[in-house]
């Protein structure tokens, strides 16, 4: 009788499907980022659940998560209001991002390897290949992956978690910045400059370049606020 092996096989683990709560969170967040759900407007939870084809419970749980992230305010017996970030909120958000992402790049000199450059170039190529016709949300996801990978190189869980906690809000503001027609190409050039410094192992130069990239993004967001 043939023995059944319990050793590791070549099969890859199947990723667990997202929960209804996660699916609702992502759908509502994208609707907020694209302004399908408008800032300042109050929406009925039951109505949102009906549009998503879900029961109210996972939608309510998703809205709690979104409230904790700063996207919405839950109003007792009235529904949920999409938040409007003030100029002060936006400046504070980007000031924090500036400190975190600059510090991360300054911290990776001892662990940076040639393979990291290859990975960054691969992620950068995906951003370069993205077309505006495919939607800014798609490009925003690619751009986020690029920044998340850079953050992971720090191997500092506190920094990574701190950035992760504000990353969704950064996406929200990033979508605003990308409303300028040539901003996508500009972002790609800024990413290219960061990679150039890292290729030369100039981590201070990479950090300064990242900080410049973040400041330019902030300027675009604030300019849009004033339009």
C-alpha atoms as a PDB file:
ATOM      1  CA  UNK A   1       0.000   0.000   0.000  1.00  0.00           C
ATOM      2  CA  UNK A   2       1.379   3.380  -1.032  1.00  0.00           C
ATOM      3  CA  UNK A   3       2.100   5.687   1.877  1.00  0.00           C
ATOM      4  CA  UNK A   4       0.576   9.165   1.696  1.00  0.00           C
ATOM      5  CA  UNK A   5       3.226  11.802   2.225  1.00  0.00           C
ATOM      6  CA  UNK A   6       2.559  14.558   4.733  1.00  0.00           C
ATOM      7  CA  UNK A   7       5.660  16.521   3.679  1.00  0.00           C
ATOM      8  CA  UNK A   8       5.551  19.928   2.045  1.00  0.00           C
ATOM      9  CA  UNK A   9       4.344  19.800  -1.554  1.00  0.00           C
ATOM     10  CA  UNK A  10       4.688  22.293  -4.376  1.00  0.00           C
ATOM     11  CA  UNK A  11       1.121  23.492  -3.943  1.00  0.00           C
ATOM     12  CA  UNK A  12       0.677  27.105  -2.978  1.00  0.00           C
ATOM     13  CA  UNK A  13      -1.601  28.053  -0.140  1.00  0.00           C
ATOM     14  CA  UNK A  14      -4.943  29.446  -1.204  1.00  0.00           C
ATOM     15  CA  UNK A  15      -5.456  32.915   0.201  1.00  0.00           C
ATOM     16  CA  UNK A  16      -8.487  33.273   2.417  1.00  0.00           C
ATOM     17  CA  UNK A  17     -11.256  35.197   0.644  1.00  0.00           C
ATOM     18  CA  UNK A  18     -12.029  38.635   2.093  1.00  0.00           C
ATOM     19  CA  UNK A  19     -14.848  38.795   4.625  1.00  0.00           C
ATOM     20  CA  UNK A  20     -18.044  40.703   3.864  1.00  0.00           C
ATOM     21  CA  UNK A  21     -16.828  43.365   6.283  1.00  0.00           C
ATOM     22  CA  UNK A  22     -13.583  43.777   4.310  1.00  0.00           C
ATOM     23  CA  UNK A  23     -15.442  43.804   0.995  1.00  0.00           C
ATOM     24  CA  UNK A  24     -17.809  46.483   2.263  1.00  0.00           C
ATOM     25  CA  UNK A  25     -14.889  48.520   3.634  1.00  0.00           C
ATOM     26  CA  UNK A  26     -13.036  48.465   0.310  1.00  0.00           C
ATOM     27  CA  UNK A  27     -16.140  49.259  -1.745  1.00  0.00           C
ATOM     28  CA  UNK A  28     -17.206  52.189   0.431  1.00  0.00           C
ATOM     29  CA  UNK A  29     -13.633  53.504   0.709  1.00  0.00           C
ATOM     30  CA  UNK A  30     -13.253  53.475  -3.080  1.00  0.00           C
ATOM     31  CA  UNK A  31     -16.614  55.242  -3.453  1.00  0.00           C
ATOM     32  CA  UNK A  32     -15.372  57.945  -1.048  1.00  0.00           C
ATOM     33  CA  UNK A  33     -12.001  58.287  -2.788  1.00  0.00           C
ATOM     34  CA  UNK A  34     -13.656  58.643  -6.208  1.00  0.00           C
ATOM     35  CA  UNK A  35     -16.315  60.983  -4.723  1.00  0.00           C
ATOM     36  CA  UNK A  36     -19.147  58.658  -5.722  1.00  0.00           C
ATOM     37  CA  UNK A  37     -20.060  59.221  -2.064  1.00  0.00           C
ATOM     38  CA  UNK A  38     -19.748  62.977  -1.623  1.00  0.00           C
ATOM     39  CA  UNK A  39     -17.994  64.752   1.260  1.00  0.00           C
ATOM     40  CA  UNK A  40     -20.393  66.333   3.758  1.00  0.00           C
ATOM     41  CA  UNK A  41     -23.388  64.300   2.595  1.00  0.00           C
ATOM     42  CA  UNK A  42     -25.245  62.046   5.061  1.00  0.00           C
ATOM     43  CA  UNK A  43     -26.050  58.533   3.822  1.00  0.00           C
ATOM     44  CA  UNK A  44     -28.399  55.910   5.200  1.00  0.00           C
ATOM     45  CA  UNK A  45     -26.690  52.695   6.311  1.00  0.00           C
ATOM     46  CA  UNK A  46     -29.547  50.531   5.091  1.00  0.00           C
ATOM     47  CA  UNK A  47     -29.390  52.252   1.720  1.00  0.00           C
ATOM     48  CA  UNK A  48     -25.656  51.584   1.438  1.00  0.00           C
ATOM     49  CA  UNK A  49     -26.187  47.941   2.390  1.00  0.00           C
ATOM     50  CA  UNK A  50     -28.884  47.600  -0.278  1.00  0.00           C
ATOM     51  CA  UNK A  51     -26.603  49.091  -2.951  1.00  0.00           C
ATOM     52  CA  UNK A  52     -23.807  46.704  -1.955  1.00  0.00           C
ATOM     53  CA  UNK A  53     -26.180  43.716  -1.885  1.00  0.00           C
ATOM     54  CA  UNK A  54     -25.277  42.917   1.721  1.00  0.00           C
ATOM     55  CA  UNK A  55     -26.977  42.749   5.073  1.00  0.00           C
ATOM     56  CA  UNK A  56     -26.627  45.756   7.341  1.00  0.00           C
ATOM     57  CA  UNK A  57     -24.239  44.117   9.844  1.00  0.00           C
ATOM     58  CA  UNK A  58     -21.031  43.876   7.707  1.00  0.00           C
ATOM     59  CA  UNK A  59     -21.727  47.347   6.290  1.00  0.00           C
ATOM     60  CA  UNK A  60     -22.102  48.814   9.790  1.00  0.00           C
ATOM     61  CA  UNK A  61     -18.861  47.098  10.848  1.00  0.00           C
ATOM     62  CA  UNK A  62     -17.098  48.487   7.772  1.00  0.00           C
ATOM     63  CA  UNK A  63     -18.377  51.985   8.572  1.00  0.00           C
ATOM     64  CA  UNK A  64     -16.961  51.707  12.095  1.00  0.00           C
ATOM     65  CA  UNK A  65     -13.579  50.864  10.545  1.00  0.00           C
ATOM     66  CA  UNK A  66     -13.884  53.795   8.151  1.00  0.00           C
ATOM     67  CA  UNK A  67     -14.792  56.094  11.042  1.00  0.00           C
ATOM     68  CA  UNK A  68     -11.689  54.927  12.920  1.00  0.00           C
ATOM     69  CA  UNK A  69      -9.618  55.779   9.826  1.00  0.00           C
ATOM     70  CA  UNK A  70     -11.073  59.268   9.541  1.00  0.00           C
ATOM     71  CA  UNK A  71     -13.252  58.795   6.457  1.00  0.00           C
ATOM     72  CA  UNK A  72     -16.710  59.081   7.991  1.00  0.00           C
ATOM     73  CA  UNK A  73     -18.612  60.149  11.089  1.00  0.00           C
ATOM     74  CA  UNK A  74     -21.347  57.885  12.425  1.00  0.00           C
ATOM     75  CA  UNK A  75     -24.445  59.854  13.416  1.00  0.00           C
ATOM     76  CA  UNK A  76     -26.782  58.224  15.921  1.00  0.00           C
ATOM     77  CA  UNK A  77     -30.124  57.376  14.254  1.00  0.00           C
ATOM     78  CA  UNK A  78     -29.260  59.619  11.287  1.00  0.00           C
ATOM     79  CA  UNK A  79     -26.794  57.577   9.243  1.00  0.00           C
ATOM     80  CA  UNK A  80     -23.215  58.279   8.278  1.00  0.00           C
ATOM     81  CA  UNK A  81     -21.615  61.501   7.047  1.00  0.00           C
ATOM     82  CA  UNK A  82     -18.631  61.488   4.698  1.00  0.00           C
ATOM     83  CA  UNK A  83     -15.954  63.633   6.324  1.00  0.00           C
ATOM     84  CA  UNK A  84     -14.435  66.760   4.849  1.00  0.00           C
ATOM     85  CA  UNK A  85     -10.753  67.089   5.692  1.00  0.00           C
ATOM     86  CA  UNK A  86      -9.757  70.632   6.594  1.00  0.00           C
ATOM     87  CA  UNK A  87      -6.581  72.298   5.354  1.00  0.00           C
ATOM     88  CA  UNK A  88      -5.107  71.784   8.829  1.00  0.00           C
ATOM     89  CA  UNK A  89      -6.000  68.062   8.713  1.00  0.00           C
ATOM     90  CA  UNK A  90      -4.272  67.665   5.351  1.00  0.00           C
ATOM     91  CA  UNK A  91      -1.122  69.541   6.408  1.00  0.00           C
ATOM     92  CA  UNK A  92      -0.885  67.488   9.615  1.00  0.00           C
ATOM     93  CA  UNK A  93      -1.373  64.247   7.656  1.00  0.00           C
ATOM     94  CA  UNK A  94       1.408  65.035   5.201  1.00  0.00           C
ATOM     95  CA  UNK A  95       3.714  66.388   7.921  1.00  0.00           C
ATOM     96  CA  UNK A  96       3.475  63.020   9.654  1.00  0.00           C
ATOM     97  CA  UNK A  97       4.005  61.163   6.388  1.00  0.00           C
ATOM     98  CA  UNK A  98       7.052  63.329   5.654  1.00  0.00           C
ATOM     99  CA  UNK A  99       8.686  62.372   8.951  1.00  0.00           C
ATOM    100  CA  UNK A 100       7.927  58.657   8.663  1.00  0.00           C
ATOM    101  CA  UNK A 101       8.871  58.002   5.028  1.00  0.00           C
ATOM    102  CA  UNK A 102      12.028  60.106   5.174  1.00  0.00           C
ATOM    103  CA  UNK A 103      13.179  58.334   8.342  1.00  0.00           C
ATOM    104  CA  UNK A 104      12.474  54.936   6.802  1.00  0.00           C
ATOM    105  CA  UNK A 105      14.792  55.570   3.854  1.00  0.00           C
ATOM    106  CA  UNK A 106      17.532  56.882   6.134  1.00  0.00           C
ATOM    107  CA  UNK A 107      17.329  53.673   8.187  1.00  0.00           C
ATOM    108  CA  UNK A 108      17.856  51.033   5.468  1.00  0.00           C
ATOM    109  CA  UNK A 109      21.546  51.510   4.613  1.00  0.00           C
ATOM    110  CA  UNK A 110      22.712  48.407   6.516  1.00  0.00           C
ATOM    111  CA  UNK A 111      20.135  46.007   5.070  1.00  0.00           C
ATOM    112  CA  UNK A 112      19.702  47.281   1.498  1.00  0.00           C
ATOM    113  CA  UNK A 113      20.520  44.710  -1.201  1.00  0.00           C
ATOM    114  CA  UNK A 114      20.759  44.567  -4.995  1.00  0.00           C
ATOM    115  CA  UNK A 115      17.565  42.487  -5.110  1.00  0.00           C
ATOM    116  CA  UNK A 116      15.678  45.415  -3.582  1.00  0.00           C
ATOM    117  CA  UNK A 117      16.595  47.559  -6.598  1.00  0.00           C
ATOM    118  CA  UNK A 118      15.262  44.873  -8.948  1.00  0.00           C
ATOM    119  CA  UNK A 119      11.989  44.734  -7.017  1.00  0.00           C
ATOM    120  CA  UNK A 120      11.640  48.517  -7.008  1.00  0.00           C
ATOM    121  CA  UNK A 121      12.282  48.696 -10.747  1.00  0.00           C
ATOM    122  CA  UNK A 122       9.615  46.040 -11.321  1.00  0.00           C
ATOM    123  CA  UNK A 123       7.071  47.976  -9.237  1.00  0.00           C
ATOM    124  CA  UNK A 124       8.099  51.223 -10.930  1.00  0.00           C
ATOM    125  CA  UNK A 125       7.563  49.672 -14.374  1.00  0.00           C
ATOM    126  CA  UNK A 126       3.990  48.785 -13.440  1.00  0.00           C
ATOM    127  CA  UNK A 127       3.397  52.442 -12.550  1.00  0.00           C
ATOM    128  CA  UNK A 128       4.971  53.545 -15.829  1.00  0.00           C
ATOM    129  CA  UNK A 129       2.825  51.106 -17.808  1.00  0.00           C
ATOM    130  CA  UNK A 130      -0.415  52.236 -16.148  1.00  0.00           C
ATOM    131  CA  UNK A 131      -2.685  54.256 -18.412  1.00  0.00           C
ATOM    132  CA  UNK A 132      -4.958  57.097 -17.254  1.00  0.00           C
ATOM    133  CA  UNK A 133      -7.714  55.447 -19.291  1.00  0.00           C
ATOM    134  CA  UNK A 134      -7.625  52.496 -16.878  1.00  0.00           C
ATOM    135  CA  UNK A 135      -8.573  54.798 -14.014  1.00  0.00           C
ATOM    136  CA  UNK A 136      -6.686  56.690 -11.354  1.00  0.00           C
ATOM    137  CA  UNK A 137      -7.770  54.216  -8.666  1.00  0.00           C
ATOM    138  CA  UNK A 138      -5.747  51.489 -10.385  1.00  0.00           C
ATOM    139  CA  UNK A 139      -2.683  53.746 -10.584  1.00  0.00           C
ATOM    140  CA  UNK A 140      -3.150  54.755  -6.954  1.00  0.00           C
ATOM    141  CA  UNK A 141      -2.999  51.077  -5.920  1.00  0.00           C
ATOM    142  CA  UNK A 142       0.248  50.599  -7.853  1.00  0.00           C
ATOM    143  CA  UNK A 143       1.744  53.756  -6.356  1.00  0.00           C
ATOM    144  CA  UNK A 144       0.745  52.587  -2.903  1.00  0.00           C
ATOM    145  CA  UNK A 145       2.473  49.234  -3.485  1.00  0.00           C
ATOM    146  CA  UNK A 146       5.673  51.101  -4.431  1.00  0.00           C
ATOM    147  CA  UNK A 147       5.614  53.123  -1.198  1.00  0.00           C
ATOM    148  CA  UNK A 148       4.601  50.125   0.922  1.00  0.00           C
ATOM    149  CA  UNK A 149       7.550  48.145  -0.426  1.00  0.00           C
ATOM    150  CA  UNK A 150       9.958  50.954   0.438  1.00  0.00           C
ATOM    151  CA  UNK A 151       8.459  51.090   3.933  1.00  0.00           C
ATOM    152  CA  UNK A 152       8.899  47.328   4.369  1.00  0.00           C
ATOM    153  CA  UNK A 153      12.648  47.668   3.776  1.00  0.00           C
ATOM    154  CA  UNK A 154      12.969  49.519   7.081  1.00  0.00           C
ATOM    155  CA  UNK A 155      12.023  46.308   8.934  1.00  0.00           C
ATOM    156  CA  UNK A 156      10.667  48.598  11.643  1.00  0.00           C
ATOM    157  CA  UNK A 157       7.200  47.351  12.562  1.00  0.00           C
ATOM    158  CA  UNK A 158       6.358  50.515  14.502  1.00  0.00           C
ATOM    159  CA  UNK A 159       7.070  52.761  11.522  1.00  0.00           C
ATOM    160  CA  UNK A 160       5.349  50.386   9.105  1.00  0.00           C
ATOM    161  CA  UNK A 161       2.215  50.220  11.276  1.00  0.00           C
ATOM    162  CA  UNK A 162       2.170  53.994  11.791  1.00  0.00           C
ATOM    163  CA  UNK A 163       2.283  54.551   8.033  1.00  0.00           C
ATOM    164  CA  UNK A 164      -0.318  51.839   7.442  1.00  0.00           C
ATOM    165  CA  UNK A 165      -2.723  53.582   9.825  1.00  0.00           C
ATOM    166  CA  UNK A 166      -2.792  56.714   7.655  1.00  0.00           C
ATOM    167  CA  UNK A 167      -2.261  55.056   4.272  1.00  0.00           C
ATOM    168  CA  UNK A 168      -5.959  55.011   3.324  1.00  0.00           C
ATOM    169  CA  UNK A 169      -6.250  58.735   4.039  1.00  0.00           C
ATOM    170  CA  UNK A 170      -3.120  59.303   1.938  1.00  0.00           C
ATOM    171  CA  UNK A 171      -4.856  57.448  -0.923  1.00  0.00           C
ATOM    172  CA  UNK A 172      -7.876  59.713  -0.509  1.00  0.00           C
ATOM    173  CA  UNK A 173      -5.744  62.832  -0.797  1.00  0.00           C
ATOM    174  CA  UNK A 174      -3.589  61.226  -3.482  1.00  0.00           C
ATOM    175  CA  UNK A 175      -6.648  60.841  -5.674  1.00  0.00           C
ATOM    176  CA  UNK A 176      -7.206  64.583  -5.292  1.00  0.00           C
ATOM    177  CA  UNK A 177      -3.590  65.310  -6.260  1.00  0.00           C
ATOM    178  CA  UNK A 178      -3.901  63.103  -9.345  1.00  0.00           C
ATOM    179  CA  UNK A 179      -6.796  65.194 -10.618  1.00  0.00           C
ATOM    180  CA  UNK A 180      -4.147  67.421 -12.226  1.00  0.00           C
ATOM    181  CA  UNK A 181      -3.762  66.036 -15.729  1.00  0.00           C
ATOM    182  CA  UNK A 182       0.054  65.717 -15.768  1.00  0.00           C
ATOM    183  CA  UNK A 183       0.525  64.681 -12.139  1.00  0.00           C
ATOM    184  CA  UNK A 184       0.734  60.941 -12.914  1.00  0.00           C
ATOM    185  CA  UNK A 185       3.771  61.401 -15.191  1.00  0.00           C
ATOM    186  CA  UNK A 186       5.303  63.740 -12.610  1.00  0.00           C
ATOM    187  CA  UNK A 187       4.903  61.135  -9.852  1.00  0.00           C
ATOM    188  CA  UNK A 188       6.647  58.555 -12.034  1.00  0.00           C
ATOM    189  CA  UNK A 189       9.596  60.927 -12.502  1.00  0.00           C
ATOM    190  CA  UNK A 190       9.762  61.512  -8.748  1.00  0.00           C
ATOM    191  CA  UNK A 191       9.780  57.758  -8.111  1.00  0.00           C
ATOM    192  CA  UNK A 192      12.532  57.375 -10.714  1.00  0.00           C
ATOM    193  CA  UNK A 193      14.652  59.948  -8.882  1.00  0.00           C
ATOM    194  CA  UNK A 194      14.239  58.092  -5.568  1.00  0.00           C
ATOM    195  CA  UNK A 195      15.301  54.816  -7.197  1.00  0.00           C
ATOM    196  CA  UNK A 196      18.307  56.587  -8.760  1.00  0.00           C
ATOM    197  CA  UNK A 197      19.586  57.661  -5.348  1.00  0.00           C
ATOM    198  CA  UNK A 198      19.020  54.175  -3.905  1.00  0.00           C
ATOM    199  CA  UNK A 199      20.904  52.612  -6.826  1.00  0.00           C
ATOM    200  CA  UNK A 200      23.899  54.781  -5.853  1.00  0.00           C
ATOM    201  CA  UNK A 201      23.381  53.817  -2.186  1.00  0.00           C
ATOM    202  CA  UNK A 202      22.792  57.489  -1.400  1.00  0.00           C
ATOM    203  CA  UNK A 203      20.164  57.003   1.302  1.00  0.00           C
ATOM    204  CA  UNK A 204      20.202  60.618   2.462  1.00  0.00           C
ATOM    205  CA  UNK A 205      19.618  61.718  -1.133  1.00  0.00           C
ATOM    206  CA  UNK A 206      16.773  59.196  -1.447  1.00  0.00           C
ATOM    207  CA  UNK A 207      15.178  60.496   1.762  1.00  0.00           C
ATOM    208  CA  UNK A 208      15.419  64.119   0.609  1.00  0.00           C
ATOM    209  CA  UNK A 209      13.957  63.126  -2.768  1.00  0.00           C
ATOM    210  CA  UNK A 210      11.092  61.311  -1.029  1.00  0.00           C
ATOM    211  CA  UNK A 211      10.399  64.358   1.125  1.00  0.00           C
ATOM    212  CA  UNK A 212      10.333  66.542  -1.989  1.00  0.00           C
ATOM    213  CA  UNK A 213       7.881  64.098  -3.605  1.00  0.00           C
ATOM    214  CA  UNK A 214       5.587  64.278  -0.561  1.00  0.00           C
ATOM    215  CA  UNK A 215       5.754  68.090  -0.425  1.00  0.00           C
ATOM    216  CA  UNK A 216       4.837  68.357  -4.115  1.00  0.00           C
ATOM    217  CA  UNK A 217       1.887  66.028  -3.546  1.00  0.00           C
ATOM    218  CA  UNK A 218       0.761  68.155  -0.602  1.00  0.00           C
ATOM    219  CA  UNK A 219       0.994  71.303  -2.738  1.00  0.00           C
ATOM    220  CA  UNK A 220      -1.218  69.680  -5.381  1.00  0.00           C
ATOM    221  CA  UNK A 221      -3.790  68.611  -2.799  1.00  0.00           C
ATOM    222  CA  UNK A 222      -3.940  72.081  -1.237  1.00  0.00           C
ATOM    223  CA  UNK A 223      -4.145  73.741  -4.658  1.00  0.00           C
ATOM    224  CA  UNK A 224      -7.151  71.552  -5.457  1.00  0.00           C
ATOM    225  CA  UNK A 225      -8.734  72.520  -2.119  1.00  0.00           C
ATOM    226  CA  UNK A 226      -8.533  76.189  -3.075  1.00  0.00           C
ATOM    227  CA  UNK A 227      -9.944  75.731  -6.600  1.00  0.00           C
END
